[in-house]
N, C-alpha and C. Protein backbone atom coordinates (compact mmCIF):
# COMPACT_ATOMS: atom_id res chain seq x y z
N MET A 1 -96.72 -2.82 39.70
CA MET A 1 -98.00 -3.22 39.10
C MET A 1 -98.80 -1.96 38.80
N GLU A 2 -99.19 -1.81 37.54
CA GLU A 2 -99.99 -0.63 37.19
C GLU A 2 -101.35 -0.69 37.87
N ASN A 3 -101.99 0.44 37.98
CA ASN A 3 -103.31 0.49 38.60
C ASN A 3 -104.36 -0.11 37.68
N PHE A 4 -105.42 -0.62 38.26
CA PHE A 4 -106.54 -1.14 37.49
C PHE A 4 -107.32 0.02 36.89
N ASP A 5 -107.66 -0.08 35.61
CA ASP A 5 -108.43 0.94 34.92
C ASP A 5 -109.92 0.66 35.10
N TRP A 6 -110.50 1.29 36.10
CA TRP A 6 -111.90 1.04 36.44
C TRP A 6 -112.87 1.42 35.32
N SER A 7 -112.44 2.26 34.39
CA SER A 7 -113.35 2.70 33.33
C SER A 7 -113.79 1.56 32.42
N ILE A 8 -113.02 0.47 32.37
CA ILE A 8 -113.41 -0.65 31.51
C ILE A 8 -114.74 -1.25 31.97
N LEU A 9 -115.07 -1.08 33.24
CA LEU A 9 -116.31 -1.64 33.77
C LEU A 9 -117.55 -0.87 33.33
N THR A 10 -117.35 0.23 32.64
CA THR A 10 -118.49 1.01 32.15
C THR A 10 -118.75 0.78 30.66
N VAL A 11 -117.91 -0.04 30.02
CA VAL A 11 -118.04 -0.27 28.57
C VAL A 11 -119.00 -1.43 28.34
N PRO A 12 -120.10 -1.20 27.59
CA PRO A 12 -121.14 -2.23 27.44
C PRO A 12 -120.92 -3.15 26.23
N THR A 13 -119.78 -3.84 26.20
CA THR A 13 -119.54 -4.81 25.12
C THR A 13 -119.09 -6.13 25.73
N PRO A 14 -119.33 -7.23 25.03
CA PRO A 14 -118.87 -8.54 25.55
C PRO A 14 -117.36 -8.58 25.78
N ARG A 15 -116.59 -8.00 24.88
CA ARG A 15 -115.13 -8.00 25.03
C ARG A 15 -114.72 -7.24 26.28
N ALA A 16 -115.39 -6.12 26.56
CA ALA A 16 -115.07 -5.34 27.76
C ALA A 16 -115.41 -6.12 29.02
N VAL A 17 -116.46 -6.91 28.97
CA VAL A 17 -116.85 -7.70 30.15
C VAL A 17 -115.76 -8.72 30.48
N VAL A 18 -115.32 -9.48 29.48
CA VAL A 18 -114.28 -10.48 29.78
C VAL A 18 -112.95 -9.81 30.09
N ARG A 19 -112.66 -8.69 29.43
CA ARG A 19 -111.42 -7.96 29.73
C ARG A 19 -111.44 -7.38 31.14
N GLY A 20 -112.59 -6.84 31.53
CA GLY A 20 -112.69 -6.27 32.88
C GLY A 20 -112.39 -7.31 33.94
N GLN A 21 -112.95 -8.49 33.77
CA GLN A 21 -112.69 -9.56 34.74
C GLN A 21 -111.23 -9.98 34.71
N LEU A 22 -110.68 -10.15 33.52
CA LEU A 22 -109.27 -10.53 33.39
C LEU A 22 -108.35 -9.48 34.01
N GLU A 23 -108.55 -8.23 33.65
CA GLU A 23 -107.66 -7.17 34.14
C GLU A 23 -107.72 -7.05 35.67
N PHE A 24 -108.93 -7.11 36.23
CA PHE A 24 -109.04 -6.97 37.68
C PHE A 24 -108.42 -8.17 38.40
N SER A 25 -108.70 -9.38 37.91
CA SER A 25 -108.16 -10.58 38.55
C SER A 25 -106.64 -10.59 38.50
N TRP A 26 -106.08 -10.22 37.34
CA TRP A 26 -104.62 -10.18 37.23
C TRP A 26 -104.03 -9.08 38.10
N TRP A 27 -104.69 -7.94 38.16
CA TRP A 27 -104.22 -6.83 38.99
C TRP A 27 -104.11 -7.27 40.45
N GLU A 28 -105.14 -7.95 40.96
CA GLU A 28 -105.09 -8.41 42.35
C GLU A 28 -103.97 -9.43 42.57
N LEU A 29 -103.90 -10.43 41.68
CA LEU A 29 -102.88 -11.46 41.84
C LEU A 29 -101.48 -10.88 41.66
N GLY A 30 -101.30 -10.04 40.66
CA GLY A 30 -99.99 -9.45 40.41
C GLY A 30 -99.46 -8.67 41.60
N ARG A 31 -100.35 -7.93 42.25
CA ARG A 31 -99.91 -7.17 43.44
C ARG A 31 -99.45 -8.10 44.55
N ARG A 32 -100.14 -9.22 44.74
CA ARG A 32 -99.71 -10.17 45.77
C ARG A 32 -98.38 -10.82 45.38
N LEU A 33 -98.24 -11.19 44.14
CA LEU A 33 -97.00 -11.86 43.71
C LEU A 33 -95.79 -10.96 43.88
N GLU A 34 -95.97 -9.66 43.79
CA GLU A 34 -94.85 -8.73 44.01
C GLU A 34 -94.29 -8.82 45.43
N THR A 35 -95.08 -9.33 46.37
CA THR A 35 -94.67 -9.37 47.78
C THR A 35 -94.21 -10.76 48.24
N VAL A 36 -94.32 -11.76 47.39
CA VAL A 36 -94.01 -13.13 47.80
C VAL A 36 -92.50 -13.31 47.95
N THR A 37 -92.10 -13.86 49.08
CA THR A 37 -90.69 -14.14 49.34
C THR A 37 -90.33 -15.54 48.82
N GLN A 38 -89.05 -15.83 48.74
CA GLN A 38 -88.62 -17.16 48.32
C GLN A 38 -89.12 -18.22 49.30
N ALA A 39 -89.09 -17.92 50.58
CA ALA A 39 -89.56 -18.89 51.57
C ALA A 39 -91.04 -19.20 51.38
N GLU A 40 -91.85 -18.18 51.12
CA GLU A 40 -93.28 -18.39 50.86
C GLU A 40 -93.50 -19.16 49.56
N PHE A 41 -92.65 -18.86 48.58
CA PHE A 41 -92.79 -19.44 47.25
C PHE A 41 -92.65 -20.96 47.28
N VAL A 42 -91.73 -21.46 48.08
CA VAL A 42 -91.47 -22.91 48.10
C VAL A 42 -92.04 -23.61 49.34
N TRP A 43 -92.73 -22.88 50.19
CA TRP A 43 -93.29 -23.48 51.41
C TRP A 43 -94.26 -24.59 51.08
N GLU A 44 -94.09 -25.73 51.74
CA GLU A 44 -94.98 -26.87 51.55
C GLU A 44 -96.04 -26.88 52.65
N PRO A 45 -97.32 -26.69 52.31
CA PRO A 45 -98.36 -26.69 53.32
C PRO A 45 -98.58 -28.07 53.94
N ALA A 46 -98.09 -29.11 53.27
CA ALA A 46 -98.11 -30.48 53.78
C ALA A 46 -96.88 -31.18 53.23
N PRO A 47 -96.38 -32.18 53.93
CA PRO A 47 -95.19 -32.88 53.44
C PRO A 47 -95.44 -33.45 52.04
N GLY A 48 -94.45 -33.29 51.17
CA GLY A 48 -94.56 -33.84 49.83
C GLY A 48 -95.44 -33.06 48.88
N ALA A 49 -95.74 -31.82 49.22
CA ALA A 49 -96.57 -31.00 48.32
C ALA A 49 -95.90 -30.88 46.96
N LEU A 50 -96.72 -30.85 45.92
CA LEU A 50 -96.19 -30.67 44.57
C LEU A 50 -95.54 -29.29 44.48
N SER A 51 -94.42 -29.23 43.78
CA SER A 51 -93.69 -27.98 43.69
C SER A 51 -92.91 -27.92 42.39
N VAL A 52 -92.07 -26.92 42.29
CA VAL A 52 -91.09 -26.82 41.22
C VAL A 52 -89.75 -27.10 41.89
N ARG A 53 -89.11 -28.17 41.45
CA ARG A 53 -87.86 -28.60 42.08
C ARG A 53 -86.79 -28.81 41.01
N ARG A 54 -85.56 -28.84 41.48
CA ARG A 54 -84.48 -29.23 40.57
C ARG A 54 -84.74 -30.66 40.10
N ARG A 55 -84.47 -30.89 38.86
CA ARG A 55 -84.75 -32.20 38.26
C ARG A 55 -84.18 -33.34 39.12
N SER A 56 -82.97 -33.14 39.64
CA SER A 56 -82.30 -34.19 40.42
C SER A 56 -82.93 -34.41 41.79
N GLU A 57 -83.79 -33.50 42.24
CA GLU A 57 -84.37 -33.59 43.58
C GLU A 57 -85.82 -34.05 43.59
N SER A 58 -86.48 -34.09 42.46
CA SER A 58 -87.89 -34.45 42.43
C SER A 58 -88.09 -35.96 42.51
N THR A 59 -89.09 -36.36 43.29
CA THR A 59 -89.48 -37.77 43.37
C THR A 59 -90.92 -37.96 42.90
N ALA A 60 -91.49 -36.97 42.23
CA ALA A 60 -92.88 -37.05 41.76
C ALA A 60 -93.02 -38.10 40.67
N PRO A 61 -94.22 -38.69 40.55
CA PRO A 61 -94.44 -39.71 39.52
C PRO A 61 -94.25 -39.19 38.10
N ARG A 62 -94.57 -37.92 37.89
CA ARG A 62 -94.41 -37.30 36.57
C ARG A 62 -93.87 -35.89 36.76
N VAL A 63 -93.08 -35.43 35.81
CA VAL A 63 -92.59 -34.05 35.82
C VAL A 63 -92.65 -33.53 34.39
N PHE A 64 -92.68 -32.19 34.26
CA PHE A 64 -92.56 -31.61 32.93
C PHE A 64 -91.74 -30.35 32.99
N GLY A 65 -91.21 -29.99 31.83
CA GLY A 65 -90.33 -28.83 31.71
C GLY A 65 -88.95 -29.26 31.25
N VAL A 66 -88.26 -28.31 30.64
CA VAL A 66 -86.89 -28.57 30.19
C VAL A 66 -85.95 -27.76 31.07
N GLY A 67 -84.73 -28.19 31.18
CA GLY A 67 -83.77 -27.45 31.97
C GLY A 67 -83.62 -28.00 33.37
N GLU A 68 -83.05 -27.16 34.22
CA GLU A 68 -82.71 -27.56 35.59
C GLU A 68 -83.93 -27.81 36.46
N TRP A 69 -85.00 -27.01 36.27
CA TRP A 69 -86.18 -27.08 37.12
C TRP A 69 -87.30 -27.81 36.42
N VAL A 70 -88.07 -28.60 37.20
CA VAL A 70 -89.23 -29.31 36.65
C VAL A 70 -90.45 -29.04 37.53
N VAL A 71 -91.61 -29.09 36.89
CA VAL A 71 -92.88 -28.96 37.60
C VAL A 71 -93.38 -30.37 37.88
N GLU A 72 -93.69 -30.63 39.14
CA GLU A 72 -94.13 -31.97 39.54
C GLU A 72 -95.62 -32.15 39.24
N TRP A 73 -95.97 -33.39 38.94
CA TRP A 73 -97.37 -33.72 38.64
C TRP A 73 -97.67 -35.07 39.26
N PRO A 74 -98.89 -35.28 39.76
CA PRO A 74 -99.20 -36.56 40.40
C PRO A 74 -99.44 -37.66 39.37
N GLU A 75 -99.63 -38.86 39.87
CA GLU A 75 -99.90 -40.00 38.99
C GLU A 75 -101.18 -39.80 38.20
N GLY A 76 -102.27 -39.42 38.89
CA GLY A 76 -103.55 -39.21 38.22
C GLY A 76 -103.68 -37.79 37.71
N PRO A 77 -104.33 -37.60 36.56
CA PRO A 77 -104.40 -36.27 35.95
C PRO A 77 -105.27 -35.26 36.69
N ASP A 78 -106.23 -35.72 37.48
CA ASP A 78 -107.17 -34.78 38.09
C ASP A 78 -107.06 -34.70 39.61
N HIS A 79 -105.94 -35.13 40.16
CA HIS A 79 -105.78 -35.09 41.61
C HIS A 79 -104.41 -34.51 41.97
N PRO A 80 -104.28 -33.18 41.88
CA PRO A 80 -102.95 -32.60 42.10
C PRO A 80 -102.47 -32.60 43.53
N GLY A 81 -103.36 -32.77 44.54
CA GLY A 81 -102.90 -32.78 45.91
C GLY A 81 -102.41 -31.42 46.38
N PRO A 82 -101.80 -31.36 47.59
CA PRO A 82 -101.30 -30.07 48.07
C PRO A 82 -100.18 -29.56 47.17
N ARG A 83 -100.12 -28.22 47.04
CA ARG A 83 -99.16 -27.61 46.13
C ARG A 83 -98.55 -26.38 46.77
N THR A 84 -97.45 -25.96 46.22
CA THR A 84 -96.77 -24.75 46.68
C THR A 84 -97.16 -23.58 45.79
N VAL A 85 -96.81 -22.38 46.22
CA VAL A 85 -97.00 -21.20 45.38
C VAL A 85 -96.16 -21.36 44.11
N ALA A 86 -94.97 -21.95 44.23
CA ALA A 86 -94.13 -22.17 43.05
C ALA A 86 -94.87 -23.00 42.01
N TRP A 87 -95.57 -24.04 42.45
CA TRP A 87 -96.32 -24.89 41.52
C TRP A 87 -97.45 -24.09 40.87
N LEU A 88 -98.16 -23.30 41.66
CA LEU A 88 -99.27 -22.51 41.13
C LEU A 88 -98.79 -21.49 40.09
N VAL A 89 -97.68 -20.84 40.37
CA VAL A 89 -97.12 -19.88 39.42
C VAL A 89 -96.70 -20.59 38.13
N ALA A 90 -96.06 -21.76 38.26
CA ALA A 90 -95.65 -22.51 37.08
C ALA A 90 -96.87 -22.96 36.27
N HIS A 91 -97.91 -23.41 36.96
CA HIS A 91 -99.12 -23.86 36.26
C HIS A 91 -99.77 -22.71 35.51
N LEU A 92 -99.92 -21.57 36.15
CA LEU A 92 -100.49 -20.41 35.45
C LEU A 92 -99.61 -19.99 34.28
N THR A 93 -98.31 -20.09 34.44
CA THR A 93 -97.39 -19.74 33.36
C THR A 93 -97.60 -20.64 32.15
N GLU A 94 -97.70 -21.95 32.39
CA GLU A 94 -97.89 -22.85 31.24
C GLU A 94 -99.26 -22.68 30.62
N VAL A 95 -100.29 -22.46 31.42
CA VAL A 95 -101.64 -22.25 30.87
C VAL A 95 -101.67 -21.01 29.98
N LEU A 96 -101.13 -19.91 30.47
CA LEU A 96 -101.14 -18.67 29.70
C LEU A 96 -100.21 -18.75 28.48
N THR A 97 -99.06 -19.41 28.64
CA THR A 97 -98.13 -19.52 27.51
C THR A 97 -98.75 -20.32 26.38
N GLU A 98 -99.32 -21.48 26.71
CA GLU A 98 -99.96 -22.30 25.67
C GLU A 98 -101.09 -21.55 24.98
N ARG A 99 -101.96 -20.95 25.79
CA ARG A 99 -103.12 -20.29 25.19
C ARG A 99 -102.71 -19.07 24.38
N TYR A 100 -101.73 -18.32 24.86
CA TYR A 100 -101.27 -17.17 24.08
C TYR A 100 -100.68 -17.65 22.74
N ASP A 101 -99.78 -18.61 22.82
CA ASP A 101 -99.09 -19.06 21.61
C ASP A 101 -100.07 -19.66 20.59
N TRP A 102 -101.03 -20.43 21.06
CA TRP A 102 -101.95 -21.10 20.14
C TRP A 102 -103.10 -20.19 19.71
N THR A 103 -103.10 -18.96 20.20
CA THR A 103 -104.10 -17.98 19.77
C THR A 103 -103.44 -16.89 18.94
N PHE A 104 -102.38 -16.29 19.48
CA PHE A 104 -101.75 -15.13 18.85
C PHE A 104 -100.34 -15.41 18.34
N GLY A 105 -99.81 -16.59 18.63
CA GLY A 105 -98.40 -16.86 18.34
C GLY A 105 -98.18 -17.88 17.24
N GLU A 106 -97.17 -18.73 17.46
CA GLU A 106 -96.70 -19.65 16.43
C GLU A 106 -97.33 -21.04 16.47
N HIS A 107 -98.20 -21.30 17.42
CA HIS A 107 -98.91 -22.59 17.54
C HIS A 107 -97.94 -23.74 17.78
N ARG A 108 -97.03 -23.56 18.74
CA ARG A 108 -96.04 -24.60 19.04
C ARG A 108 -95.90 -24.90 20.52
N ALA A 109 -96.12 -23.94 21.39
CA ALA A 109 -95.78 -24.08 22.81
C ALA A 109 -96.64 -25.13 23.51
N ARG A 110 -95.96 -25.99 24.27
CA ARG A 110 -96.61 -26.96 25.14
C ARG A 110 -95.90 -26.95 26.49
N ARG A 111 -96.63 -27.30 27.53
CA ARG A 111 -96.07 -27.22 28.88
C ARG A 111 -94.77 -28.01 29.03
N SER A 112 -94.69 -29.15 28.37
CA SER A 112 -93.50 -29.98 28.52
C SER A 112 -92.27 -29.36 27.88
N ASP A 113 -92.45 -28.39 26.99
CA ASP A 113 -91.33 -27.76 26.28
C ASP A 113 -90.87 -26.46 26.93
N LEU A 114 -91.52 -26.04 28.00
CA LEU A 114 -91.21 -24.75 28.61
C LEU A 114 -90.12 -24.88 29.66
N THR A 115 -89.49 -23.76 29.96
CA THR A 115 -88.47 -23.70 31.00
C THR A 115 -89.09 -23.02 32.22
N TYR A 116 -88.93 -23.62 33.38
CA TYR A 116 -89.51 -23.10 34.62
C TYR A 116 -88.39 -22.75 35.59
N SER A 117 -88.76 -22.06 36.66
CA SER A 117 -87.78 -21.73 37.69
C SER A 117 -88.37 -21.97 39.08
N GLY A 118 -87.53 -22.46 39.95
CA GLY A 118 -87.92 -22.62 41.35
C GLY A 118 -87.54 -21.42 42.19
N GLU A 119 -87.11 -20.36 41.54
CA GLU A 119 -86.76 -19.12 42.23
C GLU A 119 -87.86 -18.09 41.97
N VAL A 120 -88.29 -17.43 43.01
CA VAL A 120 -89.46 -16.56 42.93
C VAL A 120 -89.30 -15.44 41.92
N GLY A 121 -88.16 -14.78 41.88
CA GLY A 121 -87.99 -13.64 40.97
C GLY A 121 -88.19 -14.00 39.51
N PRO A 122 -87.39 -14.95 38.98
CA PRO A 122 -87.56 -15.33 37.58
C PRO A 122 -88.93 -15.94 37.27
N ALA A 123 -89.47 -16.72 38.20
CA ALA A 123 -90.76 -17.36 37.96
C ALA A 123 -91.89 -16.34 37.85
N VAL A 124 -91.92 -15.39 38.78
CA VAL A 124 -92.96 -14.36 38.75
C VAL A 124 -92.76 -13.44 37.54
N ALA A 125 -91.52 -13.15 37.20
CA ALA A 125 -91.26 -12.32 36.02
C ALA A 125 -91.78 -12.98 34.75
N GLU A 126 -91.59 -14.30 34.61
CA GLU A 126 -92.06 -15.00 33.42
C GLU A 126 -93.59 -15.06 33.39
N LEU A 127 -94.22 -15.31 34.52
CA LEU A 127 -95.69 -15.30 34.56
C LEU A 127 -96.21 -13.92 34.20
N THR A 128 -95.61 -12.88 34.73
CA THR A 128 -96.03 -11.51 34.43
C THR A 128 -95.87 -11.21 32.94
N ARG A 129 -94.75 -11.65 32.37
CA ARG A 129 -94.50 -11.41 30.94
C ARG A 129 -95.59 -12.03 30.08
N VAL A 130 -95.90 -13.30 30.34
CA VAL A 130 -96.88 -13.97 29.49
C VAL A 130 -98.30 -13.48 29.79
N ALA A 131 -98.59 -13.11 31.03
CA ALA A 131 -99.90 -12.52 31.34
C ALA A 131 -100.07 -11.20 30.60
N ASP A 132 -99.01 -10.41 30.54
CA ASP A 132 -99.07 -9.14 29.80
C ASP A 132 -99.30 -9.38 28.31
N LEU A 133 -98.67 -10.42 27.74
CA LEU A 133 -98.89 -10.75 26.33
C LEU A 133 -100.34 -11.15 26.09
N TRP A 134 -100.87 -12.00 26.95
CA TRP A 134 -102.26 -12.46 26.84
C TRP A 134 -103.22 -11.28 26.94
N ARG A 135 -103.00 -10.42 27.92
CA ARG A 135 -103.86 -9.26 28.11
C ARG A 135 -103.81 -8.34 26.89
N ALA A 136 -102.61 -8.11 26.36
CA ALA A 136 -102.46 -7.23 25.20
C ALA A 136 -103.14 -7.83 23.97
N GLY A 137 -103.02 -9.14 23.79
CA GLY A 137 -103.67 -9.79 22.66
C GLY A 137 -105.16 -9.63 22.70
N ILE A 138 -105.74 -9.82 23.85
CA ILE A 138 -107.19 -9.68 23.99
C ILE A 138 -107.61 -8.22 23.84
N ALA A 139 -106.81 -7.30 24.36
CA ALA A 139 -107.13 -5.87 24.26
C ALA A 139 -107.18 -5.41 22.80
N GLN A 140 -106.39 -6.05 21.94
CA GLN A 140 -106.33 -5.64 20.53
C GLN A 140 -107.40 -6.30 19.66
N MET A 141 -108.16 -7.22 20.23
CA MET A 141 -109.20 -7.90 19.45
C MET A 141 -110.39 -6.99 19.20
N SER A 142 -111.15 -7.33 18.18
CA SER A 142 -112.42 -6.63 17.94
C SER A 142 -113.52 -7.33 18.73
N ASP A 143 -114.63 -6.67 18.87
CA ASP A 143 -115.78 -7.29 19.55
C ASP A 143 -116.28 -8.51 18.77
N ASP A 144 -116.16 -8.49 17.46
CA ASP A 144 -116.57 -9.66 16.67
C ASP A 144 -115.65 -10.85 16.90
N ASP A 145 -114.34 -10.59 17.01
CA ASP A 145 -113.38 -11.67 17.21
C ASP A 145 -113.64 -12.45 18.49
N ILE A 146 -114.16 -11.80 19.50
CA ILE A 146 -114.33 -12.46 20.79
C ILE A 146 -115.30 -13.64 20.71
N PHE A 147 -116.15 -13.66 19.70
CA PHE A 147 -117.08 -14.78 19.52
C PHE A 147 -116.71 -15.70 18.37
N THR A 148 -115.53 -15.55 17.81
CA THR A 148 -115.10 -16.40 16.70
C THR A 148 -114.82 -17.81 17.21
N VAL A 149 -115.47 -18.79 16.59
CA VAL A 149 -115.23 -20.19 16.93
C VAL A 149 -113.87 -20.59 16.37
N GLY A 150 -113.07 -21.23 17.21
CA GLY A 150 -111.76 -21.70 16.78
C GLY A 150 -110.69 -20.63 16.69
N PHE A 151 -110.92 -19.47 17.29
CA PHE A 151 -109.90 -18.41 17.26
C PHE A 151 -108.62 -18.91 17.91
N SER A 152 -108.76 -19.77 18.93
CA SER A 152 -107.60 -20.42 19.53
C SER A 152 -107.58 -21.87 19.08
N GLN A 153 -106.37 -22.40 18.90
CA GLN A 153 -106.20 -23.78 18.46
C GLN A 153 -105.51 -24.64 19.52
N ALA A 154 -105.46 -24.17 20.76
CA ALA A 154 -104.66 -24.86 21.80
C ALA A 154 -105.16 -26.26 22.09
N THR A 155 -106.47 -26.43 22.20
CA THR A 155 -107.04 -27.74 22.51
C THR A 155 -108.23 -28.00 21.60
N GLU A 156 -108.70 -29.22 21.61
CA GLU A 156 -109.87 -29.56 20.80
C GLU A 156 -111.09 -28.75 21.23
N ILE A 157 -111.24 -28.54 22.52
CA ILE A 157 -112.35 -27.73 23.02
C ILE A 157 -112.23 -26.29 22.53
N ASP A 158 -111.02 -25.73 22.59
CA ASP A 158 -110.80 -24.36 22.10
C ASP A 158 -111.17 -24.24 20.63
N GLN A 159 -110.83 -25.24 19.85
CA GLN A 159 -111.09 -25.21 18.41
C GLN A 159 -112.57 -25.21 18.09
N GLN A 160 -113.38 -25.70 19.02
CA GLN A 160 -114.81 -25.84 18.77
C GLN A 160 -115.66 -24.78 19.49
N SER A 161 -115.02 -23.88 20.20
CA SER A 161 -115.75 -22.94 21.06
C SER A 161 -115.58 -21.50 20.63
N PRO A 162 -116.59 -20.66 20.86
CA PRO A 162 -116.37 -19.22 20.70
C PRO A 162 -115.25 -18.78 21.64
N PHE A 163 -114.39 -17.91 21.16
CA PHE A 163 -113.19 -17.53 21.91
C PHE A 163 -113.52 -16.96 23.29
N ALA A 164 -114.66 -16.29 23.44
CA ALA A 164 -115.03 -15.72 24.74
C ALA A 164 -115.05 -16.78 25.84
N HIS A 165 -115.41 -18.01 25.49
CA HIS A 165 -115.42 -19.08 26.49
C HIS A 165 -114.00 -19.39 26.97
N LEU A 166 -113.03 -19.35 26.07
CA LEU A 166 -111.64 -19.58 26.47
C LEU A 166 -111.14 -18.45 27.36
N VAL A 167 -111.46 -17.21 27.00
CA VAL A 167 -111.05 -16.09 27.84
C VAL A 167 -111.63 -16.25 29.24
N GLN A 168 -112.90 -16.61 29.33
CA GLN A 168 -113.53 -16.83 30.63
C GLN A 168 -112.84 -17.97 31.38
N HIS A 169 -112.49 -19.03 30.67
CA HIS A 169 -111.80 -20.16 31.31
C HIS A 169 -110.46 -19.72 31.90
N ILE A 170 -109.70 -18.97 31.14
CA ILE A 170 -108.40 -18.49 31.65
C ILE A 170 -108.61 -17.52 32.81
N ASN A 171 -109.65 -16.69 32.72
CA ASN A 171 -109.99 -15.82 33.85
C ASN A 171 -110.24 -16.65 35.10
N ARG A 172 -111.00 -17.74 34.96
CA ARG A 172 -111.28 -18.61 36.11
C ARG A 172 -110.00 -19.23 36.65
N GLU A 173 -109.08 -19.59 35.76
CA GLU A 173 -107.80 -20.14 36.22
C GLU A 173 -107.05 -19.12 37.08
N ILE A 174 -107.02 -17.87 36.62
CA ILE A 174 -106.34 -16.81 37.38
C ILE A 174 -107.03 -16.58 38.71
N ILE A 175 -108.35 -16.55 38.71
CA ILE A 175 -109.10 -16.35 39.95
C ILE A 175 -108.90 -17.53 40.90
N HIS A 176 -109.07 -18.74 40.39
CA HIS A 176 -108.99 -19.94 41.23
C HIS A 176 -107.59 -20.12 41.82
N HIS A 177 -106.59 -20.11 40.95
CA HIS A 177 -105.22 -20.33 41.45
C HIS A 177 -104.69 -19.10 42.17
N GLY A 178 -105.15 -17.93 41.77
CA GLY A 178 -104.79 -16.72 42.51
C GLY A 178 -105.28 -16.78 43.95
N SER A 179 -106.49 -17.29 44.14
CA SER A 179 -107.01 -17.40 45.52
C SER A 179 -106.18 -18.39 46.32
N GLU A 180 -105.67 -19.44 45.66
CA GLU A 180 -104.79 -20.37 46.37
C GLU A 180 -103.47 -19.70 46.76
N VAL A 181 -102.94 -18.86 45.87
CA VAL A 181 -101.71 -18.12 46.20
C VAL A 181 -101.95 -17.24 47.43
N PHE A 182 -103.08 -16.52 47.44
CA PHE A 182 -103.41 -15.69 48.60
C PHE A 182 -103.52 -16.53 49.86
N THR A 183 -104.22 -17.66 49.78
CA THR A 183 -104.41 -18.51 50.96
C THR A 183 -103.09 -19.04 51.48
N LEU A 184 -102.25 -19.56 50.58
CA LEU A 184 -100.97 -20.10 51.02
C LEU A 184 -100.07 -19.03 51.63
N THR A 185 -100.01 -17.87 50.99
CA THR A 185 -99.15 -16.82 51.55
C THR A 185 -99.71 -16.29 52.86
N ASP A 186 -101.04 -16.18 52.97
CA ASP A 186 -101.64 -15.77 54.25
C ASP A 186 -101.32 -16.77 55.35
N LEU A 187 -101.45 -18.08 55.05
CA LEU A 187 -101.16 -19.11 56.04
C LEU A 187 -99.70 -19.07 56.45
N TYR A 188 -98.81 -18.90 55.48
CA TYR A 188 -97.39 -18.83 55.81
C TYR A 188 -97.13 -17.63 56.73
N ARG A 189 -97.73 -16.50 56.41
CA ARG A 189 -97.48 -15.30 57.17
C ARG A 189 -98.02 -15.35 58.59
N VAL A 190 -99.11 -16.09 58.81
CA VAL A 190 -99.64 -16.17 60.18
C VAL A 190 -99.01 -17.29 60.98
N THR A 191 -98.46 -18.29 60.30
CA THR A 191 -97.85 -19.43 61.04
C THR A 191 -96.33 -19.35 61.05
N GLY A 192 -95.77 -18.42 60.32
CA GLY A 192 -94.32 -18.36 60.22
C GLY A 192 -93.73 -19.55 59.49
N GLY A 193 -94.55 -20.17 58.65
CA GLY A 193 -94.08 -21.31 57.87
C GLY A 193 -94.30 -22.64 58.56
N GLY A 194 -94.97 -22.61 59.72
CA GLY A 194 -95.29 -23.88 60.40
C GLY A 194 -96.53 -24.49 59.81
N ARG A 195 -96.86 -25.67 60.28
CA ARG A 195 -98.06 -26.36 59.80
C ARG A 195 -99.07 -26.54 60.92
N GLY A 196 -98.86 -25.87 62.04
CA GLY A 196 -99.65 -26.10 63.23
C GLY A 196 -101.02 -25.62 63.19
């Protein structure tokens, strides 16, 4: 993981503000993900936690993804319940992939069409790849572009909002789910994978 470039925090532009938050949040999460073991990646903090499982092994009410591995989803859209680090990495991967593609790419990618992995190495590598694409796309934007309404076409809200709001939303996703990754890996490391 490259070092965080602290100089971005001295640049007085709106684009630098959202980039500074994005770069720092990803830097912190990326460093933690480099240390996650396979056991930590799939550890269930509670029985039946949502995870990334082989298609033949999942009993979740809904799943998405193509290929051998699927991401589990609960019956209701806003109640994900306990989750594994694998689930969090897959969720961040689909969020960043969709937003990158519908902003800078071909406007086709959807979470249900993506390929996921239940193995820590490939999963973290794919999240890192798409995070790097997202970061590079934003780094190449002009300060005027950051406030363009509809710069991203991923969702109806994105189409109606200045792009800076979407960047902030994705930053919050990285911060929020990154903190869950830290919490789960910390708990695993202090309990040895127990639930006590």
